[in-house]
């Protein structure tokens, strides 16, 4: 889809100015910072049953509520912290998703201990390198892949929640583990 600036983008980017910025500046760019990876894993899980634009609009609320996605801090949250989060209008107040985020932080500590970093653990599902796809249209993009199924299975085994294969694939797209920008999109070659 060609925009007013004459750049061709993936069709989904046209939803809002925030979606456009997210597409142009972040989506598909390889991420290797543990806190950033944890943030995106949390946000993709929070999206379950909702639109990405809903979650994107609450992103700053999530960053504030979850201590900048500091894994160590979140892993130490107690029931009082869960209650605080459930009263926070800046995030999606779904108990299962909030509890999963705390559990995911705790599970991340184990993965970090074993692999040296959350980054090393998560990126091993794609062999440490982005998978370069070459999609012509959004209809070609899969909802899940062999890699996202393997990631989901392993994350669940380690105690992570809200990490089904579709959520894992969206996470892989967001973090640049796969390049799913359409071939005609100006970002395709950049990431």
Protein backbone atom coordinates (compact mmCIF):
# COMPACT_ATOMS: atom_id res chain seq x y z
CA UNK A 1 0.00 0.00 0.00
CA UNK A 2 1.46 3.35 -1.03
CA UNK A 3 1.08 6.20 1.45
CA UNK A 4 1.10 9.98 1.04
CA UNK A 5 4.90 9.99 1.45
CA UNK A 6 5.12 7.69 -1.63
CA UNK A 7 6.54 4.82 0.41
CA UNK A 8 5.00 1.40 -0.02
CA UNK A 9 4.21 -0.34 3.28
CA UNK A 10 2.58 -3.48 4.59
CA UNK A 11 -1.20 -2.92 4.48
CA UNK A 12 -1.71 -3.31 8.23
CA UNK A 13 0.37 -0.19 8.95
CA UNK A 14 -2.39 2.17 7.79
CA UNK A 15 -4.49 1.83 10.96
CA UNK A 16 -3.21 4.93 12.79
CA UNK A 17 -0.21 7.18 13.21
CA UNK A 18 0.98 4.93 16.06
CA UNK A 19 0.67 1.83 13.87
CA UNK A 20 2.55 3.59 11.07
CA UNK A 21 5.41 4.57 13.41
CA UNK A 22 5.52 1.07 14.90
CA UNK A 23 5.72 -0.44 11.41
CA UNK A 24 8.32 2.02 10.14
CA UNK A 25 10.56 2.16 13.20
CA UNK A 26 10.25 -1.12 15.09
CA UNK A 27 8.36 -4.07 13.65
CA UNK A 28 10.70 -6.67 12.24
CA UNK A 29 13.87 -4.97 13.45
CA UNK A 30 16.04 -7.61 15.17
CA UNK A 31 15.88 -7.15 18.95
CA UNK A 32 18.51 -8.57 21.30
CA UNK A 33 17.96 -6.68 24.56
CA UNK A 34 16.43 -8.94 27.23
CA UNK A 35 14.08 -6.27 28.63
CA UNK A 36 12.90 -5.35 25.12
CA UNK A 37 12.30 -8.99 24.23
CA UNK A 38 10.39 -9.48 27.47
CA UNK A 39 8.32 -6.37 26.75
CA UNK A 40 7.32 -7.63 23.32
CA UNK A 41 6.56 -11.12 24.63
CA UNK A 42 4.33 -9.53 27.29
CA UNK A 43 2.58 -7.24 24.83
CA UNK A 44 1.98 -10.01 22.29
CA UNK A 45 0.46 -12.14 25.06
CA UNK A 46 -1.66 -9.19 26.23
CA UNK A 47 -2.98 -8.84 22.69
CA UNK A 48 -4.69 -12.26 22.79
CA UNK A 49 -8.32 -11.60 21.86
CA UNK A 50 -7.64 -7.90 21.25
CA UNK A 51 -6.24 -5.74 18.47
CA UNK A 52 -2.61 -4.70 18.30
CA UNK A 53 -3.68 -1.05 18.18
CA UNK A 54 -5.38 -1.50 21.58
CA UNK A 55 -2.14 -2.79 23.09
CA UNK A 56 0.02 -0.23 21.33
CA UNK A 57 -2.14 2.55 22.80
CA UNK A 58 -1.43 1.16 26.30
CA UNK A 59 2.26 0.50 25.77
CA UNK A 60 3.48 3.36 27.97
CA UNK A 61 1.05 2.23 30.64
CA UNK A 62 2.59 -1.24 30.50
CA UNK A 63 6.10 0.17 30.70
CA UNK A 64 5.18 2.21 33.78
CA UNK A 65 3.14 -0.53 35.48
CA UNK A 66 5.74 -3.25 34.89
CA UNK A 67 8.83 -1.28 35.97
CA UNK A 68 10.18 -0.78 32.46
CA UNK A 69 9.98 -4.54 31.92
CA UNK A 70 12.79 -5.17 34.38
CA UNK A 71 12.64 -8.97 34.51
CA UNK A 72 14.23 -9.23 37.97
CA UNK A 73 11.78 -6.76 39.51
CA UNK A 74 8.73 -8.39 37.89
CA UNK A 75 9.89 -11.85 38.99
CA UNK A 76 9.79 -10.61 42.59
CA UNK A 77 6.21 -9.31 42.39
CA UNK A 78 3.87 -10.60 45.09
CA UNK A 79 0.06 -10.78 45.23
CA UNK A 80 -0.08 -7.11 46.29
CA UNK A 81 1.65 -6.19 43.01
CA UNK A 82 -0.86 -8.26 41.05
CA UNK A 83 -3.68 -6.41 42.84
CA UNK A 84 -2.02 -3.08 42.01
CA UNK A 85 -1.75 -4.07 38.35
CA UNK A 86 -5.36 -5.20 38.19
CA UNK A 87 -6.42 -1.73 39.35
CA UNK A 88 -4.22 0.04 36.78
CA UNK A 89 -6.32 1.51 33.95
CA UNK A 90 -3.18 1.98 31.83
CA UNK A 91 -3.02 -1.74 31.01
CA UNK A 92 -5.43 -4.51 30.06
CA UNK A 93 -6.68 -5.63 33.47
CA UNK A 94 -6.98 -9.33 32.82
CA UNK A 95 -5.90 -11.39 35.83
CA UNK A 96 -4.68 -14.35 33.77
CA UNK A 97 -2.52 -12.11 31.59
CA UNK A 98 -1.08 -10.18 34.56
CA UNK A 99 -0.30 -13.38 36.46
CA UNK A 100 1.25 -14.86 33.30
CA UNK A 101 3.55 -11.83 32.97
CA UNK A 102 4.84 -12.34 36.51
CA UNK A 103 5.25 -16.07 35.87
CA UNK A 104 6.97 -15.35 32.57
CA UNK A 105 9.49 -13.14 34.34
CA UNK A 106 10.24 -15.95 36.77
CA UNK A 107 10.55 -18.46 33.93
CA UNK A 108 12.83 -16.00 32.10
CA UNK A 109 15.24 -16.08 35.03
CA UNK A 110 15.62 -19.84 34.55
CA UNK A 111 16.14 -19.49 30.80
CA UNK A 112 18.64 -16.70 31.40
CA UNK A 113 20.55 -18.82 33.89
CA UNK A 114 20.72 -21.75 31.48
CA UNK A 115 21.43 -19.85 28.24
CA UNK A 116 23.23 -16.75 29.56
CA UNK A 117 20.46 -14.41 28.41
CA UNK A 118 16.82 -14.42 27.42
CA UNK A 119 18.05 -13.26 24.03
CA UNK A 120 20.20 -16.37 23.49
CA UNK A 121 17.35 -18.64 24.59
CA UNK A 122 14.69 -17.07 22.34
CA UNK A 123 16.87 -16.58 19.28
CA UNK A 124 18.03 -20.20 19.28
CA UNK A 125 14.62 -21.14 17.82
CA UNK A 126 15.70 -19.46 14.57
CA UNK A 127 19.35 -20.49 14.75
CA UNK A 128 20.41 -17.02 15.92
CA UNK A 129 19.62 -15.43 12.55
CA UNK A 130 16.45 -13.83 11.15
CA UNK A 131 14.45 -15.96 8.75
CA UNK A 132 14.05 -13.98 5.53
CA UNK A 133 10.63 -14.55 4.01
CA UNK A 134 9.47 -13.12 0.69
CA UNK A 135 5.72 -12.59 0.95
CA UNK A 136 3.87 -10.73 -1.80
CA UNK A 137 0.62 -10.20 0.17
CA UNK A 138 -0.63 -10.35 3.74
CA UNK A 139 -2.74 -13.39 2.81
CA UNK A 140 0.45 -15.40 2.40
CA UNK A 141 1.67 -14.82 5.97
CA UNK A 142 1.20 -17.86 8.18
CA UNK A 143 -0.38 -17.62 11.63
CA UNK A 144 2.22 -20.05 12.98
CA UNK A 145 5.26 -21.96 11.79
CA UNK A 146 7.36 -24.96 12.77
CA UNK A 147 9.64 -22.57 14.66
CA UNK A 148 6.81 -20.81 16.51
CA UNK A 149 5.31 -24.18 17.47
CA UNK A 150 8.69 -25.31 18.83
CA UNK A 151 9.10 -22.03 20.74
CA UNK A 152 5.59 -22.29 22.18
CA UNK A 153 6.10 -25.88 23.28
CA UNK A 154 9.41 -25.11 24.99
CA UNK A 155 8.16 -21.92 26.64
CA UNK A 156 5.12 -23.72 28.03
CA UNK A 157 7.33 -26.55 29.29
CA UNK A 158 9.39 -23.95 31.18
CA UNK A 159 6.30 -22.39 32.79
CA UNK A 160 5.58 -19.46 30.48
CA UNK A 161 1.96 -18.50 29.83
CA UNK A 162 0.09 -16.83 26.96
CA UNK A 163 2.66 -18.20 24.54
CA UNK A 164 0.68 -20.24 22.03
CA UNK A 165 2.17 -20.80 18.56
CA UNK A 166 0.29 -17.83 17.05
CA UNK A 167 1.43 -15.48 19.83
CA UNK A 168 4.98 -16.81 19.44
CA UNK A 169 4.88 -16.17 15.70
CA UNK A 170 3.65 -12.60 16.21
CA UNK A 171 6.48 -12.19 18.72
CA UNK A 172 8.98 -13.54 16.19
CA UNK A 173 7.70 -11.06 13.61
CA UNK A 174 7.86 -8.14 16.04
CA UNK A 175 11.39 -8.93 17.22
CA UNK A 176 12.86 -9.52 13.76
CA UNK A 177 13.35 -13.25 14.20
CA UNK A 178 11.49 -13.43 10.91
CA UNK A 179 11.29 -10.73 8.27
CA UNK A 180 7.61 -10.67 7.33
CA UNK A 181 7.54 -7.26 5.74
CA UNK A 182 6.05 -7.69 2.30
CA UNK A 183 8.63 -7.69 -0.49
CA UNK A 184 7.26 -4.42 -1.88
CA UNK A 185 7.40 -2.71 1.53
CA UNK A 186 10.21 -0.19 1.87
CA UNK A 187 11.21 -1.81 5.19
CA UNK A 188 11.72 -5.27 3.67
CA UNK A 189 15.28 -4.63 2.55
CA UNK A 190 16.12 -2.52 5.59
CA UNK A 191 15.48 -5.27 8.14
